[in-house]
Amino acid sequence: MAEENTVYVGKKGTMAYVLAIVTQSNNGAKEIIVKARGRAISRAVDVSEIVKNKFITDIKIAKINISTEEIKTAEGNPLKVSAIEITLKK
């Protein structure tokens, strides 16, 4: 999967990510990956559902992967963060 077909969901508004997915789809992407970690997971799910139900009706959720990633805090301590990867496919 090409890196340009990946949308990383963070702190921006939901519609910013919806627009990014719709733009990629209009540019010919057949598969788009939506990734998020921690508190942004619920926003990633919202974005995927909005795209699927309101904007691109022929897109389907092909795969959902969940995982736990270990990152280092500023103090150097390990911190486990949940992550999700949603694959949207035309």
Protein backbone atom coordinates (compact mmCIF):
# COMPACT_ATOMS: atom_id res chain seq x y z
CA MET A 1 0.00 0.00 0.00
CA ALA A 2 1.38 3.37 -1.00
CA GLU A 3 1.96 5.89 1.78
CA GLU A 4 0.03 8.58 -0.13
CA ASN A 5 -3.18 6.55 0.27
CA THR A 6 -2.99 6.73 4.07
CA VAL A 7 -4.91 9.27 6.18
CA TYR A 8 -3.62 9.76 9.72
CA VAL A 9 -6.43 10.93 12.00
CA GLY A 10 -5.46 13.28 14.82
CA LYS A 11 -6.83 16.42 16.45
CA LYS A 12 -8.36 18.21 13.46
CA GLY A 13 -12.09 18.29 12.85
CA THR A 14 -13.82 15.24 11.44
CA MET A 15 -14.69 16.87 8.12
CA ALA A 16 -11.02 17.67 7.39
CA TYR A 17 -10.28 13.94 7.27
CA VAL A 18 -13.48 13.18 5.33
CA LEU A 19 -12.35 15.73 2.72
CA ALA A 20 -8.91 14.11 2.54
CA ILE A 21 -10.45 10.68 1.86
CA VAL A 22 -12.91 12.03 -0.72
CA THR A 23 -10.06 13.87 -2.47
CA GLN A 24 -7.92 10.72 -2.62
CA SER A 25 -10.87 8.76 -3.97
CA ASN A 26 -11.52 11.39 -6.65
CA ASN A 27 -7.84 11.20 -7.63
CA GLY A 28 -8.25 7.51 -8.44
CA ALA A 29 -7.26 5.70 -5.24
CA LYS A 30 -9.00 2.32 -5.05
CA GLU A 31 -7.87 1.63 -1.48
CA ILE A 32 -7.44 4.14 1.36
CA ILE A 33 -6.13 3.38 4.84
CA VAL A 34 -7.35 5.41 7.83
CA LYS A 35 -4.98 5.21 10.82
CA ALA A 36 -5.35 6.55 14.35
CA ARG A 37 -3.96 6.06 17.85
CA GLY A 38 -5.32 6.65 21.33
CA ARG A 39 -8.20 9.09 21.67
CA ALA A 40 -8.36 9.67 17.91
CA ILE A 41 -9.62 6.11 17.33
CA SER A 42 -13.27 7.14 17.76
CA ARG A 43 -12.77 10.01 15.31
CA ALA A 44 -11.27 7.59 12.74
CA VAL A 45 -14.34 5.35 13.05
CA ASP A 46 -16.63 8.40 12.65
CA VAL A 47 -14.70 9.54 9.56
CA SER A 48 -14.93 6.11 7.94
CA GLU A 49 -18.67 5.85 8.59
CA ILE A 50 -19.37 9.37 7.31
CA VAL A 51 -17.43 8.68 4.10
CA LYS A 52 -19.17 5.34 3.60
CA ASN A 53 -22.72 6.52 4.32
CA LYS A 54 -22.81 10.11 3.01
CA PHE A 55 -20.09 10.81 0.45
CA ILE A 56 -18.88 7.68 -1.37
CA THR A 57 -21.69 5.14 -1.27
CA ASP A 58 -19.81 2.50 -3.30
CA ILE A 59 -16.89 2.31 -0.83
CA LYS A 60 -16.72 -0.57 1.65
CA ILE A 61 -14.78 -1.24 4.82
CA ALA A 62 -12.48 -4.05 3.67
CA LYS A 63 -10.45 -4.65 6.82
CA ILE A 64 -9.98 -3.38 10.37
CA ASN A 65 -6.74 -4.00 12.28
CA ILE A 66 -6.30 -3.14 15.93
CA SER A 67 -3.03 -3.19 17.81
CA THR A 68 -1.07 -1.77 20.72
CA GLU A 69 2.00 0.32 20.00
CA GLU A 70 4.67 1.09 22.54
CA ILE A 71 6.07 4.62 22.45
CA LYS A 72 8.50 6.46 24.71
CA THR A 73 7.36 9.43 26.79
CA ALA A 74 9.42 12.61 27.15
CA GLU A 75 10.94 11.12 30.32
CA GLY A 76 11.94 7.97 28.43
CA ASN A 77 9.33 5.69 29.99
CA PRO A 78 7.50 3.20 27.75
CA LEU A 79 3.81 3.91 27.15
CA LYS A 80 1.37 1.53 25.45
CA VAL A 81 -1.12 3.18 23.09
CA SER A 82 -3.99 1.50 21.25
CA ALA A 83 -4.06 1.89 17.46
CA ILE A 84 -6.54 1.18 14.66
CA GLU A 85 -6.14 0.81 10.91
CA ILE A 86 -9.30 0.86 8.76
CA THR A 87 -8.98 -0.12 5.09
CA LEU A 88 -11.58 1.40 2.76
CA LYS A 89 -11.89 -0.17 -0.69
CA LYS A 90 -13.96 0.67 -3.78
